[in-house]
Amino acid sequence: MLGEEFGPKARQVTFVLLRWNGRWSTITIPSSVGVASQLASDGHGGFWLIATHVEPGGTDQTDFVHYTGGRWLQASIPTKGKLASDPGVLASVPGSQSMWAIGVLLSGSTPEFGEIMSFGP
């Protein structure tokens, strides 16, 4: 997490995405979204990312996040039984606003299986 701590007394980190389309524009990622680790275009002016934020109680929560039309939509990354998902790479699905993610299913911190996920609005 870039060596930073999060919370009301910690120094807050602001993440800003820069976009070039003939001129620079910026999109600030809200602190509620968390720390972005992957980014992929949705093919329609928005984007998908994987972001981790700290839940009340101090546990990390990783979500798929979709930014479109000025709105942030978050969805928890699915699990399979007692195995947790750990996606590592995003890729957009051409001609849609959906995306693919590849990663592993974890038992604790041990990778058990590879996984491929599809996610879309």
PDB file of N, CA and C in Angstrom:
ATOM      1  N   MET A   1       0.820  -1.188   0.000  1.00  0.00           N
ATOM      2  CA  MET A   1       0.000   0.000   0.000  1.00  0.00           C
ATOM      3  C   MET A   1       0.859   1.245   0.000  1.00  0.00           C
ATOM      4  N   LEU A   2       1.898   1.247  -0.723  1.00  0.00           N
ATOM      5  CA  LEU A   2       2.770   2.396  -0.892  1.00  0.00           C
ATOM      6  C   LEU A   2       3.348   2.909   0.420  1.00  0.00           C
ATOM      7  N   GLY A   3       3.395   2.057   1.428  1.00  0.00           N
ATOM      8  CA  GLY A   3       3.983   2.446   2.695  1.00  0.00           C
ATOM      9  C   GLY A   3       3.174   3.454   3.473  1.00  0.00           C
ATOM     10  N   GLU A   4       1.941   3.665   3.104  1.00  0.00           N
ATOM     11  CA  GLU A   4       1.097   4.637   3.794  1.00  0.00           C
ATOM     12  C   GLU A   4       0.091   3.917   4.673  1.00  0.00           C
ATOM     13  N   GLU A   5      -0.340   4.552   5.725  1.00  0.00           N
ATOM     14  CA  GLU A   5      -1.408   4.030   6.560  1.00  0.00           C
ATOM     15  C   GLU A   5      -2.643   4.874   6.310  1.00  0.00           C
ATOM     16  N   PHE A   6      -3.803   4.227   6.440  1.00  0.00           N
ATOM     17  CA  PHE A   6      -5.052   4.914   6.167  1.00  0.00           C
ATOM     18  C   PHE A   6      -5.864   5.018   7.437  1.00  0.00           C
ATOM     19  N   GLY A   7      -6.645   6.046   7.548  1.00  0.00           N
ATOM     20  CA  GLY A   7      -7.498   6.234   8.704  1.00  0.00           C
ATOM     21  C   GLY A   7      -7.581   7.699   9.046  1.00  0.00           C
ATOM     22  N   PRO A   8      -8.422   8.057  10.013  1.00  0.00           N
ATOM     23  CA  PRO A   8      -8.634   9.472  10.319  1.00  0.00           C
ATOM     24  C   PRO A   8      -7.390  10.177  10.818  1.00  0.00           C
ATOM     25  N   LYS A   9      -6.457   9.467  11.504  1.00  0.00           N
ATOM     26  CA  LYS A   9      -5.262  10.128  12.025  1.00  0.00           C
ATOM     27  C   LYS A   9      -4.064   9.969  11.098  1.00  0.00           C
ATOM     28  N   ALA A  10      -4.171   9.091  10.104  1.00  0.00           N
ATOM     29  CA  ALA A  10      -3.052   8.849   9.194  1.00  0.00           C
ATOM     30  C   ALA A  10      -3.045   9.898   8.076  1.00  0.00           C
ATOM     31  N   ARG A  11      -1.886  10.079   7.478  1.00  0.00           N
ATOM     32  CA  ARG A  11      -1.782  10.960   6.318  1.00  0.00           C
ATOM     33  C   ARG A  11      -2.546  10.321   5.161  1.00  0.00           C
ATOM     34  N   GLN A  12      -3.469  11.024   4.561  1.00  0.00           N
ATOM     35  CA  GLN A  12      -4.280  10.482   3.477  1.00  0.00           C
ATOM     36  C   GLN A  12      -3.529  10.607   2.150  1.00  0.00           C
ATOM     37  N   VAL A  13      -3.662   9.586   1.324  1.00  0.00           N
ATOM     38  CA  VAL A  13      -3.059   9.577  -0.006  1.00  0.00           C
ATOM     39  C   VAL A  13      -4.175   9.807  -1.016  1.00  0.00           C
ATOM     40  N   THR A  14      -3.961  10.722  -1.946  1.00  0.00           N
ATOM     41  CA  THR A  14      -4.935  10.987  -2.996  1.00  0.00           C
ATOM     42  C   THR A  14      -4.392  10.436  -4.304  1.00  0.00           C
ATOM     43  N   PHE A  15      -5.206   9.621  -4.993  1.00  0.00           N
ATOM     44  CA  PHE A  15      -4.825   9.081  -6.290  1.00  0.00           C
ATOM     45  C   PHE A  15      -5.585   9.827  -7.363  1.00  0.00           C
ATOM     46  N   VAL A  16      -4.868  10.270  -8.376  1.00  0.00           N
ATOM     47  CA  VAL A  16      -5.459  11.019  -9.480  1.00  0.00           C
ATOM     48  C   VAL A  16      -5.066  10.339 -10.774  1.00  0.00           C
ATOM     49  N   LEU A  17      -6.048  10.078 -11.635  1.00  0.00           N
ATOM     50  CA  LEU A  17      -5.790   9.532 -12.957  1.00  0.00           C
ATOM     51  C   LEU A  17      -5.682  10.685 -13.938  1.00  0.00           C
ATOM     52  N   LEU A  18      -4.665  10.654 -14.771  1.00  0.00           N
ATOM     53  CA  LEU A  18      -4.494  11.663 -15.814  1.00  0.00           C
ATOM     54  C   LEU A  18      -4.893  11.056 -17.147  1.00  0.00           C
ATOM     55  N   ARG A  19      -5.653  11.807 -17.932  1.00  0.00           N
ATOM     56  CA  ARG A  19      -6.107  11.333 -19.231  1.00  0.00           C
ATOM     57  C   ARG A  19      -5.774  12.367 -20.283  1.00  0.00           C
ATOM     58  N   TRP A  20      -5.192  11.896 -21.396  1.00  0.00           N
ATOM     59  CA  TRP A  20      -4.857  12.774 -22.499  1.00  0.00           C
ATOM     60  C   TRP A  20      -5.808  12.502 -23.663  1.00  0.00           C
ATOM     61  N   ASN A  21      -6.562  13.488 -24.073  1.00  0.00           N
ATOM     62  CA  ASN A  21      -7.422  13.391 -25.256  1.00  0.00           C
ATOM     63  C   ASN A  21      -7.322  14.706 -26.038  1.00  0.00           C
ATOM     64  N   GLY A  22      -6.094  15.176 -26.217  1.00  0.00           N
ATOM     65  CA  GLY A  22      -5.845  16.469 -26.838  1.00  0.00           C
ATOM     66  C   GLY A  22      -5.524  17.527 -25.797  1.00  0.00           C
ATOM     67  N   ARG A  23      -5.936  17.286 -24.586  1.00  0.00           N
ATOM     68  CA  ARG A  23      -5.580  18.097 -23.428  1.00  0.00           C
ATOM     69  C   ARG A  23      -5.673  17.184 -22.210  1.00  0.00           C
ATOM     70  N   TRP A  24      -5.023  17.573 -21.152  1.00  0.00           N
ATOM     71  CA  TRP A  24      -5.019  16.757 -19.939  1.00  0.00           C
ATOM     72  C   TRP A  24      -6.288  16.987 -19.134  1.00  0.00           C
ATOM     73  N   SER A  25      -6.875  15.907 -18.673  1.00  0.00           N
ATOM     74  CA  SER A  25      -7.968  15.992 -17.709  1.00  0.00           C
ATOM     75  C   SER A  25      -7.629  15.054 -16.555  1.00  0.00           C
ATOM     76  N   THR A  26      -8.223  15.290 -15.406  1.00  0.00           N
ATOM     77  CA  THR A  26      -7.922  14.472 -14.237  1.00  0.00           C
ATOM     78  C   THR A  26      -9.206  13.893 -13.649  1.00  0.00           C
ATOM     79  N   ILE A  27      -9.062  12.733 -13.058  1.00  0.00           N
ATOM     80  CA  ILE A  27     -10.135  12.094 -12.304  1.00  0.00           C
ATOM     81  C   ILE A  27      -9.535  11.699 -10.971  1.00  0.00           C
ATOM     82  N   THR A  28     -10.073  12.237  -9.876  1.00  0.00           N
ATOM     83  CA  THR A  28      -9.593  11.897  -8.545  1.00  0.00           C
ATOM     84  C   THR A  28     -10.353  10.673  -8.051  1.00  0.00           C
ATOM     85  N   ILE A  29      -9.608   9.658  -7.617  1.00  0.00           N
ATOM     86  CA  ILE A  29     -10.227   8.458  -7.069  1.00  0.00           C
ATOM     87  C   ILE A  29     -10.615   8.751  -5.626  1.00  0.00           C
ATOM     88  N   PRO A  30     -11.905   8.623  -5.290  1.00  0.00           N
ATOM     89  CA  PRO A  30     -12.330   8.898  -3.916  1.00  0.00           C
ATOM     90  C   PRO A  30     -11.634   7.967  -2.920  1.00  0.00           C
ATOM     91  N   SER A  31     -11.367   8.460  -1.728  1.00  0.00           N
ATOM     92  CA  SER A  31     -10.702   7.637  -0.722  1.00  0.00           C
ATOM     93  C   SER A  31     -11.533   6.412  -0.372  1.00  0.00           C
ATOM     94  N   SER A  32     -12.861   6.481  -0.531  1.00  0.00           N
ATOM     95  CA  SER A  32     -13.711   5.321  -0.248  1.00  0.00           C
ATOM     96  C   SER A  32     -13.464   4.175  -1.230  1.00  0.00           C
ATOM     97  N   VAL A  33     -12.967   4.482  -2.440  1.00  0.00           N
ATOM     98  CA  VAL A  33     -12.642   3.443  -3.422  1.00  0.00           C
ATOM     99  C   VAL A  33     -11.381   2.702  -2.994  1.00  0.00           C
ATOM    100  N   GLY A  34     -10.397   3.429  -2.493  1.00  0.00           N
ATOM    101  CA  GLY A  34      -9.182   2.791  -1.990  1.00  0.00           C
ATOM    102  C   GLY A  34      -7.998   2.953  -2.911  1.00  0.00           C
ATOM    103  N   VAL A  35      -7.077   2.004  -2.791  1.00  0.00           N
ATOM    104  CA  VAL A  35      -5.829   2.017  -3.542  1.00  0.00           C
ATOM    105  C   VAL A  35      -5.989   1.161  -4.797  1.00  0.00           C
ATOM    106  N   ALA A  36      -5.837   1.787  -5.959  1.00  0.00           N
ATOM    107  CA  ALA A  36      -5.994   1.081  -7.230  1.00  0.00           C
ATOM    108  C   ALA A  36      -4.734   0.291  -7.551  1.00  0.00           C
ATOM    109  N   SER A  37      -4.938  -0.958  -8.033  1.00  0.00           N
ATOM    110  CA  SER A  37      -3.777  -1.768  -8.395  1.00  0.00           C
ATOM    111  C   SER A  37      -3.788  -2.187  -9.859  1.00  0.00           C
ATOM    112  N   GLN A  38      -4.939  -2.164 -10.517  1.00  0.00           N
ATOM    113  CA  GLN A  38      -5.055  -2.520 -11.931  1.00  0.00           C
ATOM    114  C   GLN A  38      -6.049  -1.571 -12.575  1.00  0.00           C
ATOM    115  N   LEU A  39      -5.884  -1.329 -13.870  1.00  0.00           N
ATOM    116  CA  LEU A  39      -6.759  -0.407 -14.582  1.00  0.00           C
ATOM    117  C   LEU A  39      -6.948  -0.910 -16.000  1.00  0.00           C
ATOM    118  N   ALA A  40      -8.202  -0.871 -16.499  1.00  0.00           N
ATOM    119  CA  ALA A  40      -8.487  -1.246 -17.891  1.00  0.00           C
ATOM    120  C   ALA A  40      -9.642  -0.392 -18.392  1.00  0.00           C
ATOM    121  N   SER A  41      -9.557   0.062 -19.633  1.00  0.00           N
ATOM    122  CA  SER A  41     -10.630   0.839 -20.253  1.00  0.00           C
ATOM    123  C   SER A  41     -11.881  -0.019 -20.386  1.00  0.00           C
ATOM    124  N   ASP A  42     -13.056   0.613 -20.293  1.00  0.00           N
ATOM    125  CA  ASP A  42     -14.284  -0.132 -20.559  1.00  0.00           C
ATOM    126  C   ASP A  42     -14.716   0.036 -22.020  1.00  0.00           C
ATOM    127  N   GLY A  43     -13.931   0.763 -22.814  1.00  0.00           N
ATOM    128  CA  GLY A  43     -14.225   0.940 -24.227  1.00  0.00           C
ATOM    129  C   GLY A  43     -15.298   1.968 -24.538  1.00  0.00           C
ATOM    130  N   HIS A  44     -15.845   2.628 -23.482  1.00  0.00           N
ATOM    131  CA  HIS A  44     -16.928   3.598 -23.678  1.00  0.00           C
ATOM    132  C   HIS A  44     -16.689   4.867 -22.872  1.00  0.00           C
ATOM    133  N   GLY A  45     -15.421   5.239 -22.669  1.00  0.00           N
ATOM    134  CA  GLY A  45     -15.092   6.470 -21.954  1.00  0.00           C
ATOM    135  C   GLY A  45     -14.927   6.300 -20.454  1.00  0.00           C
ATOM    136  N   GLY A  46     -15.197   5.133 -19.945  1.00  0.00           N
ATOM    137  CA  GLY A  46     -15.007   4.840 -18.527  1.00  0.00           C
ATOM    138  C   GLY A  46     -13.883   3.830 -18.349  1.00  0.00           C
ATOM    139  N   PHE A  47     -13.768   3.289 -17.140  1.00  0.00           N
ATOM    140  CA  PHE A  47     -12.731   2.297 -16.904  1.00  0.00           C
ATOM    141  C   PHE A  47     -13.098   1.402 -15.731  1.00  0.00           C
ATOM    142  N   TRP A  48     -12.430   0.269 -15.681  1.00  0.00           N
ATOM    143  CA  TRP A  48     -12.504  -0.673 -14.567  1.00  0.00           C
ATOM    144  C   TRP A  48     -11.207  -0.606 -13.804  1.00  0.00           C
ATOM    145  N   LEU A  49     -11.257  -0.848 -12.514  1.00  0.00           N
ATOM    146  CA  LEU A  49     -10.035  -1.023 -11.744  1.00  0.00           C
ATOM    147  C   LEU A  49     -10.268  -1.996 -10.609  1.00  0.00           C
ATOM    148  N   ILE A  50      -9.176  -2.503 -10.070  1.00  0.00           N
ATOM    149  CA  ILE A  50      -9.201  -3.301  -8.852  1.00  0.00           C
ATOM    150  C   ILE A  50      -8.667  -2.391  -7.767  1.00  0.00           C
ATOM    151  N   ALA A  51      -9.400  -2.274  -6.666  1.00  0.00           N
ATOM    152  CA  ALA A  51      -8.996  -1.366  -5.595  1.00  0.00           C
ATOM    153  C   ALA A  51      -9.178  -2.036  -4.240  1.00  0.00           C
ATOM    154  N   THR A  52      -8.291  -1.709  -3.316  1.00  0.00           N
ATOM    155  CA  THR A  52      -8.346  -2.243  -1.962  1.00  0.00           C
ATOM    156  C   THR A  52      -8.512  -1.089  -0.982  1.00  0.00           C
ATOM    157  N   HIS A  53      -9.460  -1.256  -0.078  1.00  0.00           N
ATOM    158  CA  HIS A  53      -9.660  -0.265   0.980  1.00  0.00           C
ATOM    159  C   HIS A  53      -9.752  -1.002   2.317  1.00  0.00           C
ATOM    160  N   VAL A  54      -9.594  -0.258   3.387  1.00  0.00           N
ATOM    161  CA  VAL A  54      -9.639  -0.833   4.727  1.00  0.00           C
ATOM    162  C   VAL A  54     -11.048  -0.694   5.277  1.00  0.00           C
ATOM    163  N   GLU A  55     -11.625  -1.833   5.655  1.00  0.00           N
ATOM    164  CA  GLU A  55     -12.959  -1.869   6.252  1.00  0.00           C
ATOM    165  C   GLU A  55     -12.889  -1.469   7.721  1.00  0.00           C
ATOM    166  N   PRO A  56     -14.021  -1.054   8.313  1.00  0.00           N
ATOM    167  CA  PRO A  56     -14.032  -0.845   9.763  1.00  0.00           C
ATOM    168  C   PRO A  56     -13.608  -2.152  10.444  1.00  0.00           C
ATOM    169  N   GLY A  57     -12.743  -2.072  11.401  1.00  0.00           N
ATOM    170  CA  GLY A  57     -12.204  -3.263  12.040  1.00  0.00           C
ATOM    171  C   GLY A  57     -10.826  -3.621  11.518  1.00  0.00           C
ATOM    172  N   GLY A  58     -10.379  -2.913  10.461  1.00  0.00           N
ATOM    173  CA  GLY A  58      -9.014  -3.065  10.001  1.00  0.00           C
ATOM    174  C   GLY A  58      -8.747  -4.125   8.947  1.00  0.00           C
ATOM    175  N   THR A  59      -9.793  -4.796   8.416  1.00  0.00           N
ATOM    176  CA  THR A  59      -9.544  -5.802   7.383  1.00  0.00           C
ATOM    177  C   THR A  59      -9.549  -5.153   6.005  1.00  0.00           C
ATOM    178  N   ASP A  60      -8.710  -5.671   5.112  1.00  0.00           N
ATOM    179  CA  ASP A  60      -8.663  -5.186   3.737  1.00  0.00           C
ATOM    180  C   ASP A  60      -9.810  -5.777   2.933  1.00  0.00           C
ATOM    181  N   GLN A  61     -10.443  -4.953   2.094  1.00  0.00           N
ATOM    182  CA  GLN A  61     -11.501  -5.385   1.183  1.00  0.00           C
ATOM    183  C   GLN A  61     -11.083  -4.994  -0.228  1.00  0.00           C
ATOM    184  N   THR A  62     -11.053  -5.965  -1.133  1.00  0.00           N
ATOM    185  CA  THR A  62     -10.697  -5.697  -2.525  1.00  0.00           C
ATOM    186  C   THR A  62     -11.950  -5.802  -3.376  1.00  0.00           C
ATOM    187  N   ASP A  63     -12.158  -4.803  -4.244  1.00  0.00           N
ATOM    188  CA  ASP A  63     -13.363  -4.722  -5.075  1.00  0.00           C
ATOM    189  C   ASP A  63     -13.011  -4.501  -6.537  1.00  0.00           C
ATOM    190  N   PHE A  64     -13.941  -4.912  -7.422  1.00  0.00           N
ATOM    191  CA  PHE A  64     -13.944  -4.427  -8.792  1.00  0.00           C
ATOM    192  C   PHE A  64     -14.638  -3.074  -8.729  1.00  0.00           C
ATOM    193  N   VAL A  65     -14.106  -2.088  -9.418  1.00  0.00           N
ATOM    194  CA  VAL A  65     -14.689  -0.752  -9.420  1.00  0.00           C
ATOM    195  C   VAL A  65     -14.854  -0.314 -10.872  1.00  0.00           C
ATOM    196  N   HIS A  66     -16.043   0.212 -11.192  1.00  0.00           N
ATOM    197  CA  HIS A  66     -16.305   0.723 -12.536  1.00  0.00           C
ATOM    198  C   HIS A  66     -16.608   2.209 -12.428  1.00  0.00           C
ATOM    199  N   TYR A  67     -15.886   3.016 -13.216  1.00  0.00           N
ATOM    200  CA  TYR A  67     -16.133   4.451 -13.293  1.00  0.00           C
ATOM    201  C   TYR A  67     -16.743   4.726 -14.658  1.00  0.00           C
ATOM    202  N   THR A  68     -17.939   5.290 -14.655  1.00  0.00           N
ATOM    203  CA  THR A  68     -18.607   5.630 -15.909  1.00  0.00           C
ATOM    204  C   THR A  68     -19.578   6.774 -15.663  1.00  0.00           C
ATOM    205  N   GLY A  69     -19.621   7.714 -16.562  1.00  0.00           N
ATOM    206  CA  GLY A  69     -20.552   8.833 -16.458  1.00  0.00           C
ATOM    207  C   GLY A  69     -20.440   9.617 -15.168  1.00  0.00           C
ATOM    208  N   GLY A  70     -19.215   9.699 -14.606  1.00  0.00           N
ATOM    209  CA  GLY A  70     -19.003  10.438 -13.373  1.00  0.00           C
ATOM    210  C   GLY A  70     -19.400   9.679 -12.113  1.00  0.00           C
ATOM    211  N   ARG A  71     -19.782   8.399 -12.253  1.00  0.00           N
ATOM    212  CA  ARG A  71     -20.204   7.597 -11.105  1.00  0.00           C
ATOM    213  C   ARG A  71     -19.213   6.469 -10.828  1.00  0.00           C
ATOM    214  N   TRP A  72     -19.043   6.153  -9.562  1.00  0.00           N
ATOM    215  CA  TRP A  72     -18.188   5.054  -9.108  1.00  0.00           C
ATOM    216  C   TRP A  72     -19.080   3.916  -8.637  1.00  0.00           C
ATOM    217  N   LEU A  73     -18.941   2.755  -9.232  1.00  0.00           N
ATOM    218  CA  LEU A  73     -19.724   1.583  -8.857  1.00  0.00           C
ATOM    219  C   LEU A  73     -18.764   0.510  -8.353  1.00  0.00           C
ATOM    220  N   GLN A  74     -18.972   0.029  -7.134  1.00  0.00           N
ATOM    221  CA  GLN A  74     -18.086  -0.963  -6.541  1.00  0.00           C
ATOM    222  C   GLN A  74     -18.825  -2.272  -6.356  1.00  0.00           C
ATOM    223  N   ALA A  75     -18.124  -3.386  -6.589  1.00  0.00           N
ATOM    224  CA  ALA A  75     -18.674  -4.719  -6.367  1.00  0.00           C
ATOM    225  C   ALA A  75     -17.588  -5.592  -5.755  1.00  0.00           C
ATOM    226  N   SER A  76     -17.949  -6.320  -4.723  1.00  0.00           N
ATOM    227  CA  SER A  76     -16.986  -7.202  -4.071  1.00  0.00           C
ATOM    228  C   SER A  76     -16.514  -8.275  -5.033  1.00  0.00           C
ATOM    229  N   ILE A  77     -15.263  -8.623  -4.929  1.00  0.00           N
ATOM    230  CA  ILE A  77     -14.710  -9.699  -5.741  1.00  0.00           C
ATOM    231  C   ILE A  77     -15.242 -11.011  -5.177  1.00  0.00           C
ATOM    232  N   PRO A  78     -15.792 -11.881  -6.038  1.00  0.00           N
ATOM    233  CA  PRO A  78     -16.410 -13.108  -5.544  1.00  0.00           C
ATOM    234  C   PRO A  78     -15.397 -14.087  -4.940  1.00  0.00           C
ATOM    235  N   THR A  79     -15.912 -14.953  -4.080  1.00  0.00           N
ATOM    236  CA  THR A  79     -15.112 -16.027  -3.503  1.00  0.00           C
ATOM    237  C   THR A  79     -15.717 -17.353  -3.961  1.00  0.00           C
ATOM    238  N   LYS A  80     -15.008 -18.442  -3.728  1.00  0.00           N
ATOM    239  CA  LYS A  80     -15.513 -19.772  -4.063  1.00  0.00           C
ATOM    240  C   LYS A  80     -15.379 -20.638  -2.820  1.00  0.00           C
ATOM    241  N   GLY A  81     -16.490 -20.815  -2.123  1.00  0.00           N
ATOM    242  CA  GLY A  81     -16.448 -21.541  -0.858  1.00  0.00           C
ATOM    243  C   GLY A  81     -15.567 -20.805   0.136  1.00  0.00           C
ATOM    244  N   LYS A  82     -14.574 -21.503   0.677  1.00  0.00           N
ATOM    245  CA  LYS A  82     -13.653 -20.887   1.641  1.00  0.00           C
ATOM    246  C   LYS A  82     -12.435 -20.267   0.963  1.00  0.00           C
ATOM    247  N   LEU A  83     -12.378 -20.335  -0.365  1.00  0.00           N
ATOM    248  CA  LEU A  83     -11.241 -19.779  -1.101  1.00  0.00           C
ATOM    249  C   LEU A  83     -11.506 -18.322  -1.464  1.00  0.00           C
ATOM    250  N   ALA A  84     -10.509 -17.476  -1.263  1.00  0.00           N
ATOM    251  CA  ALA A  84     -10.607 -16.059  -1.614  1.00  0.00           C
ATOM    252  C   ALA A  84     -10.035 -15.838  -3.007  1.00  0.00           C
ATOM    253  N   SER A  85     -10.615 -14.901  -3.744  1.00  0.00           N
ATOM    254  CA  SER A  85     -10.123 -14.543  -5.075  1.00  0.00           C
ATOM    255  C   SER A  85      -9.056 -13.473  -4.958  1.00  0.00           C
ATOM    256  N   ASP A  86      -8.017 -13.606  -5.768  1.00  0.00           N
ATOM    257  CA  ASP A  86      -6.944 -12.616  -5.820  1.00  0.00           C
ATOM    258  C   ASP A  86      -6.654 -12.313  -7.289  1.00  0.00           C
ATOM    259  N   PRO A  87      -7.474 -11.432  -7.913  1.00  0.00           N
ATOM    260  CA  PRO A  87      -7.242 -11.120  -9.324  1.00  0.00           C
ATOM    261  C   PRO A  87      -5.987 -10.290  -9.496  1.00  0.00           C
ATOM    262  N   GLY A  88      -5.290 -10.513 -10.607  1.00  0.00           N
ATOM    263  CA  GLY A  88      -4.039  -9.812 -10.817  1.00  0.00           C
ATOM    264  C   GLY A  88      -3.992  -8.955 -12.056  1.00  0.00           C
ATOM    265  N   VAL A  89      -4.770  -9.298 -13.087  1.00  0.00           N
ATOM    266  CA  VAL A  89      -4.690  -8.574 -14.351  1.00  0.00           C
ATOM    267  C   VAL A  89      -6.098  -8.370 -14.892  1.00  0.00           C
ATOM    268  N   LEU A  90      -6.380  -7.166 -15.401  1.00  0.00           N
ATOM    269  CA  LEU A  90      -7.664  -6.838 -16.027  1.00  0.00           C
ATOM    270  C   LEU A  90      -7.485  -6.635 -17.523  1.00  0.00           C
ATOM    271  N   ALA A  91      -8.507  -6.983 -18.288  1.00  0.00           N
ATOM    272  CA  ALA A  91      -8.526  -6.695 -19.726  1.00  0.00           C
ATOM    273  C   ALA A  91      -9.962  -6.418 -20.123  1.00  0.00           C
ATOM    274  N   SER A  92     -10.167  -5.398 -20.934  1.00  0.00           N
ATOM    275  CA  SER A  92     -11.527  -5.064 -21.364  1.00  0.00           C
ATOM    276  C   SER A  92     -11.980  -6.040 -22.444  1.00  0.00           C
ATOM    277  N   VAL A  93     -13.303  -6.236 -22.537  1.00  0.00           N
ATOM    278  CA  VAL A  93     -13.912  -7.073 -23.558  1.00  0.00           C
ATOM    279  C   VAL A  93     -14.331  -6.152 -24.701  1.00  0.00           C
ATOM    280  N   PRO A  94     -13.711  -6.303 -25.883  1.00  0.00           N
ATOM    281  CA  PRO A  94     -14.027  -5.396 -26.997  1.00  0.00           C
ATOM    282  C   PRO A  94     -15.519  -5.371 -27.316  1.00  0.00           C
ATOM    283  N   GLY A  95     -16.045  -4.158 -27.584  1.00  0.00           N
ATOM    284  CA  GLY A  95     -17.437  -3.987 -27.962  1.00  0.00           C
ATOM    285  C   GLY A  95     -18.418  -4.032 -26.809  1.00  0.00           C
ATOM    286  N   SER A  96     -17.917  -4.043 -25.570  1.00  0.00           N
ATOM    287  CA  SER A  96     -18.807  -4.074 -24.409  1.00  0.00           C
ATOM    288  C   SER A  96     -18.209  -3.217 -23.293  1.00  0.00           C
ATOM    289  N   GLN A  97     -18.923  -3.103 -22.182  1.00  0.00           N
ATOM    290  CA  GLN A  97     -18.381  -2.422 -21.012  1.00  0.00           C
ATOM    291  C   GLN A  97     -17.907  -3.442 -19.974  1.00  0.00           C
ATOM    292  N   SER A  98     -17.781  -4.682 -20.367  1.00  0.00           N
ATOM    293  CA  SER A  98     -17.367  -5.758 -19.472  1.00  0.00           C
ATOM    294  C   SER A  98     -15.856  -5.924 -19.469  1.00  0.00           C
ATOM    295  N   MET A  99     -15.382  -6.724 -18.521  1.00  0.00           N
ATOM    296  CA  MET A  99     -13.952  -6.988 -18.451  1.00  0.00           C
ATOM    297  C   MET A  99     -13.703  -8.412 -17.993  1.00  0.00           C
ATOM    298  N   TRP A 100     -12.484  -8.866 -18.263  1.00  0.00           N
ATOM    299  CA  TRP A 100     -11.987 -10.154 -17.796  1.00  0.00           C
ATOM    300  C   TRP A 100     -10.921  -9.878 -16.748  1.00  0.00           C
ATOM    301  N   ALA A 101     -10.813 -10.781 -15.805  1.00  0.00           N
ATOM    302  CA  ALA A 101      -9.736 -10.719 -14.815  1.00  0.00           C
ATOM    303  C   ALA A 101      -9.169 -12.115 -14.650  1.00  0.00           C
ATOM    304  N   ILE A 102      -7.847 -12.211 -14.519  1.00  0.00           N
ATOM    305  CA  ILE A 102      -7.233 -13.492 -14.206  1.00  0.00           C
ATOM    306  C   ILE A 102      -6.544 -13.360 -12.860  1.00  0.00           C
ATOM    307  N   GLY A 103      -6.438 -14.461 -12.169  1.00  0.00           N
ATOM    308  CA  GLY A 103      -5.798 -14.446 -10.859  1.00  0.00           C
ATOM    309  C   GLY A 103      -5.759 -15.839 -10.279  1.00  0.00           C
ATOM    310  N   VAL A 104      -5.786 -15.911  -8.963  1.00  0.00           N
ATOM    311  CA  VAL A 104      -5.737 -17.203  -8.278  1.00  0.00           C
ATOM    312  C   VAL A 104      -6.781 -17.235  -7.168  1.00  0.00           C
ATOM    313  N   LEU A 105      -7.174 -18.453  -6.796  1.00  0.00           N
ATOM    314  CA  LEU A 105      -7.997 -18.685  -5.620  1.00  0.00           C
ATOM    315  C   LEU A 105      -7.063 -19.086  -4.496  1.00  0.00           C
ATOM    316  N   LEU A 106      -7.215 -18.431  -3.350  1.00  0.00           N
ATOM    317  CA  LEU A 106      -6.293 -18.615  -2.229  1.00  0.00           C
ATOM    318  C   LEU A 106      -6.950 -19.351  -1.069  1.00  0.00           C
ATOM    319  N   SER A 107      -6.166 -20.220  -0.439  1.00  0.00           N
ATOM    320  CA  SER A 107      -6.524 -20.798   0.847  1.00  0.00           C
ATOM    321  C   SER A 107      -5.569 -20.168   1.843  1.00  0.00           C
ATOM    322  N   GLY A 108      -6.057 -19.182   2.600  1.00  0.00           N
ATOM    323  CA  GLY A 108      -5.155 -18.364   3.419  1.00  0.00           C
ATOM    324  C   GLY A 108      -4.341 -17.507   2.475  1.00  0.00           C
ATOM    325  N   SER A 109      -3.022 -17.688   2.474  1.00  0.00           N
ATOM    326  CA  SER A 109      -2.172 -16.955   1.527  1.00  0.00           C
ATOM    327  C   SER A 109      -1.568 -17.891   0.480  1.00  0.00           C
ATOM    328  N   THR A 110      -2.038 -19.146   0.436  1.00  0.00           N
ATOM    329  CA  THR A 110      -1.498 -20.140  -0.489  1.00  0.00           C
ATOM    330  C   THR A 110      -2.373 -20.242  -1.734  1.00  0.00           C
ATOM    331  N   PRO A 111      -1.816 -20.026  -2.936  1.00  0.00           N
ATOM    332  CA  PRO A 111      -2.593 -20.202  -4.166  1.00  0.00           C
ATOM    333  C   PRO A 111      -2.995 -21.668  -4.330  1.00  0.00           C
ATOM    334  N   GLU A 112      -4.274 -21.916  -4.602  1.00  0.00           N
ATOM    335  CA  GLU A 112      -4.788 -23.275  -4.786  1.00  0.00           C
ATOM    336  C   GLU A 112      -5.134 -23.558  -6.239  1.00  0.00           C
ATOM    337  N   PHE A 113      -5.770 -22.587  -6.924  1.00  0.00           N
ATOM    338  CA  PHE A 113      -6.220 -22.770  -8.299  1.00  0.00           C
ATOM    339  C   PHE A 113      -6.078 -21.461  -9.044  1.00  0.00           C
ATOM    340  N   GLY A 114      -5.889 -21.538 -10.367  1.00  0.00           N
ATOM    341  CA  GLY A 114      -5.985 -20.355 -11.198  1.00  0.00           C
ATOM    342  C   GLY A 114      -7.456 -20.040 -11.435  1.00  0.00           C
ATOM    343  N   GLU A 115      -7.763 -18.784 -11.749  1.00  0.00           N
ATOM    344  CA  GLU A 115      -9.158 -18.430 -12.029  1.00  0.00           C
ATOM    345  C   GLU A 115      -9.233 -17.384 -13.122  1.00  0.00           C
ATOM    346  N   ILE A 116     -10.330 -17.428 -13.842  1.00  0.00           N
ATOM    347  CA  ILE A 116     -10.670 -16.427 -14.850  1.00  0.00           C
ATOM    348  C   ILE A 116     -12.053 -15.925 -14.500  1.00  0.00           C
ATOM    349  N   MET A 117     -12.211 -14.602 -14.372  1.00  0.00           N
ATOM    350  CA  MET A 117     -13.499 -14.006 -14.035  1.00  0.00           C
ATOM    351  C   MET A 117     -13.948 -13.070 -15.137  1.00  0.00           C
ATOM    352  N   SER A 118     -15.247 -13.016 -15.353  1.00  0.00           N
ATOM    353  CA  SER A 118     -15.847 -12.055 -16.271  1.00  0.00           C
ATOM    354  C   SER A 118     -16.793 -11.207 -15.448  1.00  0.00           C
ATOM    355  N   PHE A 119     -16.767  -9.896 -15.688  1.00  0.00           N
ATOM    356  CA  PHE A 119     -17.582  -8.995 -14.894  1.00  0.00           C
ATOM    357  C   PHE A 119     -18.064  -7.857 -15.766  1.00  0.00           C
ATOM    358  N   GLY A 120     -19.309  -7.442 -15.609  1.00  0.00           N
ATOM    359  CA  GLY A 120     -19.832  -6.358 -16.401  1.00  0.00           C
ATOM    360  C   GLY A 120     -21.082  -5.764 -15.808  1.00  0.00           C
ATOM    361  N   PRO A 121     -21.480  -4.595 -16.325  1.00  0.00           N
ATOM    362  CA  PRO A 121     -22.690  -3.946 -15.820  1.00  0.00           C
ATOM    363  C   PRO A 121     -23.947  -4.698 -16.215  1.00  0.00           C
TER     364      PRO A 121
END
